[in-house]
N, C-alpha and C. Protein backbone atom coordinates (compact mmCIF):
# COMPACT_ATOMS: atom_id res chain seq x y z
N MET A 1 -95.46 -2.62 12.30
CA MET A 1 -93.87 -2.18 12.22
C MET A 1 -93.89 -1.66 11.12
N PHE A 2 -95.16 -1.31 10.53
CA PHE A 2 -95.27 -0.01 9.30
C PHE A 2 -96.78 0.62 9.84
N HIS A 3 -97.15 0.62 11.50
CA HIS A 3 -98.48 1.13 11.63
C HIS A 3 -98.56 2.68 11.17
N HIS A 4 -97.50 3.49 10.49
CA HIS A 4 -97.36 4.58 10.30
C HIS A 4 -98.04 4.88 8.68
N LEU A 5 -97.76 3.88 8.44
CA LEU A 5 -98.18 3.93 6.74
C LEU A 5 -99.40 4.33 6.29
N SER A 6 -100.67 4.56 7.11
CA SER A 6 -101.68 5.15 6.79
C SER A 6 -101.31 6.32 6.86
N LYS A 7 -100.79 7.25 7.75
CA LYS A 7 -100.51 8.67 8.39
C LYS A 7 -99.79 9.66 6.98
N GLN A 8 -99.32 8.18 6.22
CA GLN A 8 -98.49 9.60 4.79
C GLN A 8 -99.16 9.12 3.66
N ARG A 9 -99.42 10.19 2.88
CA ARG A 9 -99.67 9.54 1.56
C ARG A 9 -98.69 9.30 0.85
N PHE A 10 -99.17 8.17 0.04
CA PHE A 10 -98.08 7.41 -0.97
C PHE A 10 -98.41 7.42 -2.49
N THR A 11 -98.02 7.31 -3.37
CA THR A 11 -98.84 7.67 -4.41
C THR A 11 -98.06 6.56 -5.31
N LEU A 12 -98.53 6.50 -6.58
CA LEU A 12 -97.66 4.98 -7.50
C LEU A 12 -96.18 5.70 -7.86
N ASN A 13 -95.84 6.69 -7.55
CA ASN A 13 -94.35 7.18 -7.87
C ASN A 13 -93.58 6.08 -6.26
N LYS A 14 -94.39 6.36 -4.95
CA LYS A 14 -93.41 5.59 -4.21
C LYS A 14 -93.41 4.08 -4.45
N ALA A 15 -94.23 3.31 -5.45
CA ALA A 15 -94.27 2.25 -5.96
C ALA A 15 -93.12 2.04 -6.63
N ALA A 16 -92.94 3.13 -7.36
CA ALA A 16 -91.71 2.98 -8.95
C ALA A 16 -90.15 3.38 -8.03
N ASN A 17 -90.37 3.79 -6.91
CA ASN A 17 -88.97 3.98 -5.87
C ASN A 17 -88.55 2.58 -5.41
N LEU A 18 -89.79 2.07 -4.93
CA LEU A 18 -89.12 1.14 -4.02
C LEU A 18 -88.28 0.01 -5.22
N ASP A 19 -88.40 -0.23 -6.49
CA ASP A 19 -87.96 -0.95 -7.48
C ASP A 19 -86.31 -0.37 -7.18
N SER A 20 -85.90 1.20 -7.15
CA SER A 20 -84.29 1.20 -7.16
C SER A 20 -83.96 0.77 -5.49
N ILE A 21 -84.69 0.62 -4.62
CA ILE A 21 -84.09 0.10 -3.58
C ILE A 21 -83.99 -0.94 -2.84
N LYS A 22 -84.99 -1.93 -3.55
CA LYS A 22 -84.84 -3.17 -3.30
C LYS A 22 -84.07 -4.23 -3.53
N ILE A 23 -83.37 -4.72 -2.76
CA ILE A 23 -82.20 -6.00 -2.84
C ILE A 23 -82.21 -6.97 -2.40
N PHE A 24 -82.66 -7.95 -2.83
CA PHE A 24 -82.42 -9.09 -2.13
C PHE A 24 -81.08 -9.72 -1.92
N ILE A 25 -80.90 -10.33 -1.13
CA ILE A 25 -79.64 -10.86 -0.65
C ILE A 25 -79.62 -11.81 0.04
N LYS A 26 -79.32 -13.08 -0.12
CA LYS A 26 -78.92 -14.35 0.09
C LYS A 26 -77.62 -15.05 1.20
N ASP A 27 -76.59 -13.76 0.99
CA ASP A 27 -75.64 -14.20 1.44
C ASP A 27 -74.71 -12.85 2.11
N LEU A 28 -74.25 -12.38 3.05
CA LEU A 28 -73.64 -11.15 2.94
C LEU A 28 -72.77 -11.46 2.16
N LYS A 29 -71.58 -11.98 1.67
CA LYS A 29 -70.50 -12.38 1.11
C LYS A 29 -70.85 -11.29 -0.30
N ASP A 30 -72.23 -11.56 -0.89
CA ASP A 30 -72.72 -10.90 -2.04
C ASP A 30 -72.75 -9.30 -2.25
N VAL A 31 -72.55 -8.88 -1.11
CA VAL A 31 -72.79 -7.41 -0.73
C VAL A 31 -71.81 -6.68 -1.27
N ALA A 32 -70.83 -7.62 -1.41
CA ALA A 32 -69.11 -6.69 -1.51
C ALA A 32 -69.07 -6.75 -3.01
N SER A 33 -70.44 -7.47 -3.95
CA SER A 33 -70.26 -7.34 -5.50
C SER A 33 -71.43 -6.47 -5.83
N ILE A 34 -72.02 -5.64 -4.59
CA ILE A 34 -73.65 -4.69 -5.26
C ILE A 34 -72.28 -3.53 -5.43
N VAL A 35 -72.53 -3.07 -6.69
CA VAL A 35 -72.27 -1.72 -7.13
C VAL A 35 -73.44 -0.61 -6.60
N PRO A 36 -72.55 -0.01 -5.37
CA PRO A 36 -73.91 1.05 -4.98
C PRO A 36 -74.12 2.24 -5.61
N SER A 37 -75.19 2.83 -5.27
CA SER A 37 -75.57 4.15 -6.32
C SER A 37 -76.19 4.67 -5.02
N LYS A 38 -75.79 6.25 -4.82
CA LYS A 38 -75.93 7.10 -3.82
C LYS A 38 -77.63 7.41 -3.87
N LEU A 39 -78.22 6.86 -2.57
CA LEU A 39 -79.94 7.12 -2.60
C LEU A 39 -79.96 8.70 -2.06
N ASP A 40 -81.29 8.55 -2.83
CA ASP A 40 -81.59 10.40 -2.40
C ASP A 40 -82.64 10.49 -1.08
N ASP A 41 -83.00 11.25 -1.02
CA ASP A 41 -83.71 11.99 0.36
C ASP A 41 -84.96 10.55 0.39
N THR A 42 -85.34 11.02 -0.75
CA THR A 42 -86.88 10.38 -0.47
C THR A 42 -86.69 8.55 -0.56
N ASP A 43 -85.55 7.91 -1.19
CA ASP A 43 -84.98 6.70 -1.13
C ASP A 43 -84.83 6.11 0.28
N ILE A 44 -83.99 7.06 0.96
CA ILE A 44 -83.15 6.75 2.35
C ILE A 44 -84.48 6.84 3.60
N HIS A 45 -85.53 7.58 3.05
CA HIS A 45 -86.52 7.68 4.27
C HIS A 45 -87.26 6.28 3.87
N LEU A 46 -87.56 5.80 2.45
CA LEU A 46 -88.60 4.78 2.26
C LEU A 46 -87.98 3.78 2.64
N SER A 47 -86.33 3.46 2.15
CA SER A 47 -85.52 1.98 2.56
C SER A 47 -85.63 2.30 4.65
N LEU A 48 -85.17 3.47 5.15
CA LEU A 48 -85.38 3.29 6.56
C LEU A 48 -86.91 2.45 7.08
N GLN A 49 -87.83 3.26 6.66
CA GLN A 49 -89.41 2.58 6.72
C GLN A 49 -89.59 0.99 6.53
N ILE A 50 -89.09 0.69 5.24
CA ILE A 50 -89.18 -0.26 5.37
C ILE A 50 -88.84 -1.50 5.99
N HIS A 51 -87.64 -0.88 6.53
CA HIS A 51 -86.72 -2.17 7.32
C HIS A 51 -87.43 -1.07 9.04
N ALA A 52 -88.22 -0.46 9.29
CA ALA A 52 -88.62 -0.35 10.28
C ALA A 52 -87.39 0.37 11.24
N LEU A 53 -86.43 1.37 10.10
CA LEU A 53 -85.16 1.85 10.98
C LEU A 53 -85.22 3.70 11.36
N ASP A 54 -86.97 4.08 10.53
CA ASP A 54 -86.64 5.30 9.97
C ASP A 54 -86.64 6.23 11.58
N LYS A 55 -87.37 5.76 12.77
CA LYS A 55 -87.40 6.11 13.95
C LYS A 55 -86.12 6.41 14.77
N SER A 56 -84.97 5.19 14.26
CA SER A 56 -83.95 5.11 15.58
C SER A 56 -82.39 5.76 14.48
N TRP A 57 -82.41 5.63 13.49
CA TRP A 57 -81.49 6.20 12.97
C TRP A 57 -81.34 7.90 12.76
N LYS A 58 -80.35 8.44 12.51
CA LYS A 58 -80.21 9.65 12.37
C LYS A 58 -79.67 9.88 11.18
N ILE A 59 -79.69 11.04 10.10
CA ILE A 59 -79.45 10.75 8.72
C ILE A 59 -79.25 12.49 8.52
N SER A 60 -77.81 12.18 8.25
CA SER A 60 -77.48 13.75 7.95
C SER A 60 -77.10 13.54 5.99
N SER A 61 -76.35 14.19 5.37
CA SER A 61 -76.49 14.32 3.78
C SER A 61 -75.58 13.41 3.44
N LYS A 62 -74.81 12.96 4.48
CA LYS A 62 -73.84 11.64 4.03
C LYS A 62 -73.70 10.53 4.58
N SER A 63 -74.32 10.59 5.83
CA SER A 63 -74.65 9.26 6.51
C SER A 63 -75.66 8.84 7.29
N LEU A 64 -75.38 8.19 8.29
CA LEU A 64 -76.68 7.57 8.86
C LEU A 64 -75.67 6.87 10.23
N SER A 65 -76.35 7.34 11.26
CA SER A 65 -75.95 7.32 12.81
C SER A 65 -76.70 7.18 13.84
N LYS A 66 -76.18 6.23 14.84
CA LYS A 66 -77.26 6.46 15.83
C LYS A 66 -75.99 5.93 16.78
N GLU A 67 -76.90 6.37 17.94
CA GLU A 67 -76.18 5.60 19.54
C GLU A 67 -76.79 4.63 20.13
N TYR A 68 -75.94 3.76 20.51
CA TYR A 68 -76.61 2.42 21.07
C TYR A 68 -75.96 2.54 22.63
N LYS A 69 -76.79 2.08 23.55
CA LYS A 69 -76.40 1.72 24.40
C LYS A 69 -76.68 0.50 25.67
N PHE A 70 -75.69 -0.12 25.95
CA PHE A 70 -75.83 -1.76 26.31
C PHE A 70 -75.94 -1.50 27.81
N ASP A 71 -76.05 -2.75 28.74
CA ASP A 71 -76.28 -2.74 29.78
C ASP A 71 -74.61 -2.89 30.39
N SER A 72 -73.79 -3.21 29.71
CA SER A 72 -72.21 -3.15 30.06
C SER A 72 -71.22 -2.94 28.87
N PHE A 73 -70.10 -3.03 29.34
CA PHE A 73 -68.88 -2.56 28.36
C PHE A 73 -69.32 -4.11 27.60
N LYS A 74 -69.14 -5.17 28.01
CA LYS A 74 -69.06 -6.91 27.78
C LYS A 74 -69.95 -7.04 26.56
N GLN A 75 -71.43 -6.57 27.08
CA GLN A 75 -72.07 -6.55 25.79
C GLN A 75 -72.04 -5.68 24.45
N ALA A 76 -71.64 -4.37 24.58
CA ALA A 76 -70.88 -3.29 23.87
C ALA A 76 -70.12 -4.08 22.79
N PHE A 77 -69.19 -4.89 23.81
CA PHE A 77 -67.94 -5.43 22.66
C PHE A 77 -68.52 -6.45 21.82
N VAL A 78 -69.19 -6.99 22.47
CA VAL A 78 -69.89 -8.21 21.93
C VAL A 78 -70.64 -8.19 20.73
N PHE A 79 -71.24 -6.79 20.55
CA PHE A 79 -72.08 -6.40 19.80
C PHE A 79 -71.01 -5.98 18.60
N MET A 80 -69.87 -5.38 18.79
CA MET A 80 -69.16 -5.09 17.94
C MET A 80 -68.59 -6.03 17.46
N ASN A 81 -67.78 -6.97 18.22
CA ASN A 81 -67.26 -8.56 17.92
C ASN A 81 -68.18 -8.66 16.54
N THR A 82 -69.58 -9.20 16.76
CA THR A 82 -70.77 -9.69 15.71
C THR A 82 -70.50 -8.92 14.91
N ILE A 83 -70.70 -7.59 14.75
CA ILE A 83 -71.01 -6.74 13.41
C ILE A 83 -69.79 -6.96 13.11
N SER A 84 -68.18 -6.85 13.62
CA SER A 84 -67.26 -6.96 12.85
C SER A 84 -66.89 -7.91 11.73
N ASN A 85 -67.53 -9.09 12.18
CA ASN A 85 -67.54 -10.20 11.29
C ASN A 85 -68.54 -10.21 10.70
N MET A 86 -69.80 -9.63 10.22
CA MET A 86 -71.07 -9.51 9.40
C MET A 86 -70.15 -8.56 8.36
N ALA A 87 -69.31 -7.24 8.99
CA ALA A 87 -69.14 -6.07 8.03
C ALA A 87 -67.99 -6.60 7.36
N ASP A 88 -67.06 -7.51 7.58
CA ASP A 88 -65.88 -8.21 7.19
C ASP A 88 -66.46 -8.82 5.59
N GLU A 89 -67.52 -9.87 6.22
CA GLU A 89 -68.03 -10.58 5.14
C GLU A 89 -68.74 -9.64 4.10
N MET A 90 -69.46 -8.31 4.34
CA MET A 90 -69.85 -8.03 3.75
C MET A 90 -69.03 -6.90 2.82
N ASN A 91 -67.64 -6.56 3.15
CA ASN A 91 -66.61 -6.00 2.86
C ASN A 91 -67.28 -4.09 2.95
N HIS A 92 -67.85 -3.91 3.59
CA HIS A 92 -68.43 -2.58 4.55
C HIS A 92 -68.58 -2.48 5.75
N TYR A 93 -67.81 -1.28 6.09
CA TYR A 93 -67.33 -0.98 7.94
C TYR A 93 -67.99 0.35 8.25
N PRO A 94 -68.65 -0.13 9.53
CA PRO A 94 -68.86 1.23 10.23
C PRO A 94 -67.48 1.97 10.94
N LYS A 95 -68.18 3.46 11.24
CA LYS A 95 -67.31 4.15 11.58
C LYS A 95 -67.82 3.97 13.14
N TRP A 96 -66.95 3.34 14.23
CA TRP A 96 -67.87 3.70 15.40
C TRP A 96 -67.13 4.21 16.67
N ILE A 97 -67.68 4.74 17.87
CA ILE A 97 -66.75 5.34 18.83
C ILE A 97 -67.28 4.41 20.11
N ASN A 98 -66.58 3.78 20.93
CA ASN A 98 -67.04 3.06 21.95
C ASN A 98 -66.25 3.68 23.68
N VAL A 99 -67.43 3.88 24.25
CA VAL A 99 -66.75 4.05 25.56
C VAL A 99 -67.88 3.82 26.54
N TYR A 100 -67.24 2.94 27.07
CA TYR A 100 -67.87 2.15 28.44
C TYR A 100 -69.11 1.60 27.76
N ASN A 101 -70.26 1.25 28.17
CA ASN A 101 -71.77 0.92 27.40
C ASN A 101 -72.00 1.32 26.44
N LYS A 102 -71.81 2.92 25.75
CA LYS A 102 -71.77 3.59 24.80
C LYS A 102 -70.94 3.05 23.50
N LEU A 103 -72.08 3.46 22.44
CA LEU A 103 -71.13 2.63 21.14
C LEU A 103 -72.22 3.83 20.04
N ASN A 104 -71.25 4.80 19.79
CA ASN A 104 -71.53 5.43 19.00
C ASN A 104 -71.22 5.11 17.43
N VAL A 105 -71.99 4.94 16.14
CA VAL A 105 -72.23 4.48 15.33
C VAL A 105 -72.62 5.41 13.98
N GLU A 106 -71.66 5.27 12.91
CA GLU A 106 -71.85 6.26 11.41
C GLU A 106 -71.24 5.08 10.62
N ILE A 107 -72.30 5.00 9.84
CA ILE A 107 -72.00 4.48 8.22
C ILE A 107 -72.48 5.04 7.05
N THR A 108 -71.62 5.18 6.47
CA THR A 108 -71.34 5.94 5.16
C THR A 108 -70.78 5.10 3.81
N THR A 109 -70.88 5.20 2.81
CA THR A 109 -70.72 4.63 1.27
C THR A 109 -69.64 5.44 0.91
N GLN A 110 -68.29 5.01 0.89
CA GLN A 110 -67.23 6.17 0.73
C GLN A 110 -67.55 6.43 -0.73
N ASP A 111 -67.60 5.27 -1.32
CA ASP A 111 -67.75 5.60 -2.96
C ASP A 111 -68.46 6.25 -4.06
N VAL A 112 -69.49 6.75 -3.29
CA VAL A 112 -70.80 7.72 -3.55
C VAL A 112 -70.86 8.58 -2.59
N SER A 113 -69.88 9.01 -1.70
CA SER A 113 -70.16 9.92 -1.11
C SER A 113 -71.16 10.55 -0.12
N GLY A 114 -71.61 9.31 0.09
CA GLY A 114 -73.39 9.42 0.93
C GLY A 114 -73.90 8.17 0.94
N ILE A 115 -75.21 8.22 1.12
CA ILE A 115 -75.62 7.05 1.98
C ILE A 115 -76.18 5.95 0.70
N SER A 116 -75.47 4.49 0.73
CA SER A 116 -76.43 3.72 -0.18
C SER A 116 -77.16 2.48 0.30
N ILE A 117 -77.53 1.55 -0.22
CA ILE A 117 -78.85 0.43 0.29
C ILE A 117 -77.27 -0.08 1.31
N LYS A 118 -76.10 -0.26 0.88
CA LYS A 118 -75.30 -1.41 1.97
C LYS A 118 -75.56 -0.78 3.19
N ASP A 119 -75.48 0.79 3.51
CA ASP A 119 -75.35 1.60 4.82
C ASP A 119 -77.05 0.90 5.07
N VAL A 120 -78.10 1.25 4.60
CA VAL A 120 -79.32 0.47 5.09
C VAL A 120 -79.27 -0.61 5.81
N LEU A 121 -78.45 -1.58 4.94
CA LEU A 121 -78.65 -3.02 5.27
C LEU A 121 -77.56 -3.16 6.63
N LEU A 122 -76.44 -2.46 6.35
CA LEU A 122 -75.57 -2.88 7.46
C LEU A 122 -76.66 -2.23 8.91
N ALA A 123 -77.45 -0.91 8.96
CA ALA A 123 -78.28 -0.30 10.24
C ALA A 123 -79.01 -1.77 10.46
N HIS A 124 -79.91 -2.16 9.31
CA HIS A 124 -80.49 -3.39 9.83
C HIS A 124 -80.22 -4.37 10.53
N LEU A 125 -79.00 -4.78 9.84
CA LEU A 125 -78.19 -6.05 11.03
C LEU A 125 -77.92 -5.12 12.45
N MET A 126 -77.61 -4.14 12.56
CA MET A 126 -76.76 -3.68 13.55
C MET A 126 -78.26 -3.99 14.47
N GLU A 127 -79.30 -3.39 13.79
CA GLU A 127 -80.66 -3.31 15.12
C GLU A 127 -81.27 -4.66 15.29
N SER A 128 -80.84 -5.90 14.51
CA SER A 128 -81.18 -7.03 15.25
C SER A 128 -80.16 -7.44 15.91
N VAL A 129 -79.22 -7.51 15.64
CA VAL A 129 -78.22 -8.00 16.24
C VAL A 129 -77.95 -7.38 17.34
N ALA A 130 -78.15 -5.87 17.74
CA ALA A 130 -78.39 -5.06 19.35
C ALA A 130 -79.44 -5.85 20.03
N LYS A 131 -80.78 -5.78 19.49
CA LYS A 131 -81.79 -6.77 20.42
C LYS A 131 -81.28 -8.15 20.86
N ASP A 132 -80.45 -8.96 20.25
CA ASP A 132 -80.27 -9.72 20.66
C ASP A 132 -79.04 -10.12 21.95
N VAL A 133 -78.29 -9.20 21.61
CA VAL A 133 -77.00 -8.47 22.27
C VAL A 133 -77.64 -8.78 23.74
N LYS A 134 -78.46 -7.84 23.86
CA LYS A 134 -79.09 -7.44 24.80
C LYS A 134 -80.09 -8.19 25.76
N GLU A 135 -80.69 -10.04 24.86
CA GLU A 135 -81.01 -11.08 25.67
C GLU A 135 -80.59 -11.46 25.64
N GLN A 136 -79.43 -11.71 25.31
CA GLN A 136 -78.33 -12.75 25.93
C GLN A 136 -77.01 -12.55 27.11
N ASN A 137 -77.14 -13.83 27.38
CA ASN A 137 -75.97 -13.82 28.82
C ASN A 137 -74.26 -14.32 28.05
N PHE A 138 -73.52 -13.19 28.08
CA PHE A 138 -71.89 -13.25 27.70
C PHE A 138 -71.10 -13.56 29.03
N GLU A 139 -70.25 -14.35 28.80
CA GLU A 139 -69.10 -14.99 29.89
C GLU A 139 -68.02 -14.00 29.59
N SER A 140 -67.41 -13.96 28.23
CA SER A 140 -66.33 -12.60 27.69
C SER A 140 -66.74 -11.79 26.98
N ILE A 141 -66.16 -10.85 26.88
CA ILE A 141 -66.14 -9.66 25.70
C ILE A 141 -65.87 -10.27 24.42
N GLY A 142 -65.14 -11.44 24.38
CA GLY A 142 -64.59 -12.33 22.96
C GLY A 142 -65.54 -12.76 22.07
N GLU A 143 -66.58 -13.16 22.84
CA GLU A 143 -67.56 -13.87 22.30
C GLU A 143 -68.22 -13.09 20.80
N ILE A 144 -69.25 -14.10 20.41
CA ILE A 144 -70.13 -13.72 18.98
C ILE A 144 -71.19 -14.04 19.70
N CYS A 145 -72.23 -12.70 18.91
CA CYS A 145 -73.90 -13.19 19.44
C CYS A 145 -74.22 -14.18 18.41
N LYS A 146 -74.86 -14.97 19.36
CA LYS A 146 -75.47 -16.28 18.40
C LYS A 146 -76.47 -15.97 17.50
N VAL A 147 -76.54 -15.54 16.85
CA VAL A 147 -77.43 -14.74 15.38
C VAL A 147 -77.47 -15.38 14.27
N SER A 148 -78.32 -15.66 13.11
CA SER A 148 -78.06 -16.47 12.28
C SER A 148 -77.92 -15.45 11.12
N PRO A 149 -76.90 -15.03 10.38
CA PRO A 149 -77.14 -14.16 9.34
C PRO A 149 -78.08 -14.56 8.35
N ILE A 150 -77.89 -15.67 7.95
CA ILE A 150 -78.97 -16.03 6.90
C ILE A 150 -80.56 -16.04 7.64
N GLN A 151 -80.75 -15.95 8.79
CA GLN A 151 -82.18 -15.63 9.10
C GLN A 151 -82.38 -14.04 9.05
N LEU A 152 -81.57 -13.20 9.46
CA LEU A 152 -81.37 -11.50 9.50
C LEU A 152 -81.70 -11.29 8.03
N LEU A 153 -80.87 -12.12 6.77
CA LEU A 153 -81.10 -11.86 5.61
C LEU A 153 -82.57 -12.19 5.27
N GLN A 154 -83.05 -12.93 5.77
CA GLN A 154 -84.52 -13.34 5.44
C GLN A 154 -85.08 -12.48 5.42
N ASN A 155 -85.03 -11.82 6.82
CA ASN A 155 -85.91 -10.84 7.65
C ASN A 155 -85.90 -9.49 6.64
N TRP A 156 -84.43 -9.08 6.11
CA TRP A 156 -84.47 -8.01 5.19
C TRP A 156 -85.37 -8.45 3.56
N ASN A 157 -84.84 -9.04 3.23
CA ASN A 157 -85.81 -9.85 2.36
C ASN A 157 -87.39 -9.76 2.29
N ALA A 158 -88.02 -10.28 3.44
CA ALA A 158 -89.22 -10.40 3.85
C ALA A 158 -89.99 -9.08 4.22
N ASN A 159 -89.11 -7.84 4.52
CA ASN A 159 -89.43 -6.50 4.82
C ASN A 159 -89.92 -5.90 3.05
N TYR A 160 -89.77 -6.28 2.39
CA TYR A 160 -90.22 -6.27 0.93
C TYR A 160 -91.29 -6.48 0.60
N SER A 161 -91.39 -7.67 0.64
CA SER A 161 -92.97 -8.58 0.30
C SER A 161 -93.67 -7.56 1.25
N GLN A 162 -93.47 -7.41 2.35
CA GLN A 162 -94.26 -6.78 3.41
C GLN A 162 -94.71 -5.25 3.23
N TYR A 163 -93.65 -4.78 2.80
CA TYR A 163 -94.14 -3.55 2.39
C TYR A 163 -94.93 -3.47 1.22
N GLN A 164 -94.89 -4.18 0.03
CA GLN A 164 -95.03 -4.22 -1.15
C GLN A 164 -96.80 -4.37 -0.88
N GLU A 165 -97.26 -5.62 -0.22
CA GLU A 165 -98.49 -5.78 0.64
C GLU A 165 -99.19 -4.47 1.05
N ILE A 166 -98.76 -3.79 1.92
CA ILE A 166 -99.32 -2.49 2.31
C ILE A 166 -99.21 -1.60 1.63
N LEU A 167 -98.34 -1.77 1.08
CA LEU A 167 -98.46 -0.43 0.06
C LEU A 167 -99.49 -0.54 -1.09
N LYS A 168 -100.08 -1.80 -1.56
CA LYS A 168 -100.84 -1.88 -2.52
C LYS A 168 -102.09 -1.68 -1.61
N LYS A 169 -102.43 -2.47 -0.22
CA LYS A 169 -103.77 -1.77 0.16
C LYS A 169 -103.98 -0.28 0.47
N ASN A 170 -102.86 0.32 0.61
CA ASN A 170 -102.90 1.52 0.94
C ASN A 170 -103.18 2.16 -0.67
N VAL A 171 -103.06 1.99 -1.55
CA VAL A 171 -102.92 2.81 -3.16
C VAL A 171 -104.50 2.28 -3.31
N HIS A 172 -105.18 1.19 -3.23
CA HIS A 172 -106.58 0.49 -3.29
C HIS A 172 -107.46 0.81 -2.44
N ASN A 173 -106.79 1.91 -1.08
CA ASN A 173 -108.00 2.58 -0.33
C ASN A 173 -108.03 3.83 -0.08
N LEU A 174 -107.09 4.45 -1.31
CA LEU A 174 -106.74 5.57 -1.62
C LEU A 174 -108.44 5.93 -2.48
């Protein structure tokens, strides 16, 4: 997951930046109470890298975006249903456009006129749900993917611990 860390030079300042983006979450409903702050470019890239999203999401000055391509309209719609439920619990909503099996997603935090940790969390959830949707069979478009939000949040939280361990090893090897 973090295979490209050794190619980049990290300093102790990067470790200090980690504290500004590290948010441990136990329940999606907790996200609504987070007071977001706008992430700078370094924090955006670092937070995307921690969650292995840095290669798949496009970063603009104010948003994260991605195009998903599913095998069918049914898969795309199940993905949207599942994410809609999670986004509603978080009180943080994506902008998306769906045409048949393609879905263009844009995530931003209006309150900060840019990208916050809430956007990175939603991107993390979307990646996990997209994988699960592509692996499951669905009878109707009204279904919701059988994913555990608790497990997804545990993965989110674990990514920080794993990253800190890798970062410590890299700093010691310098």
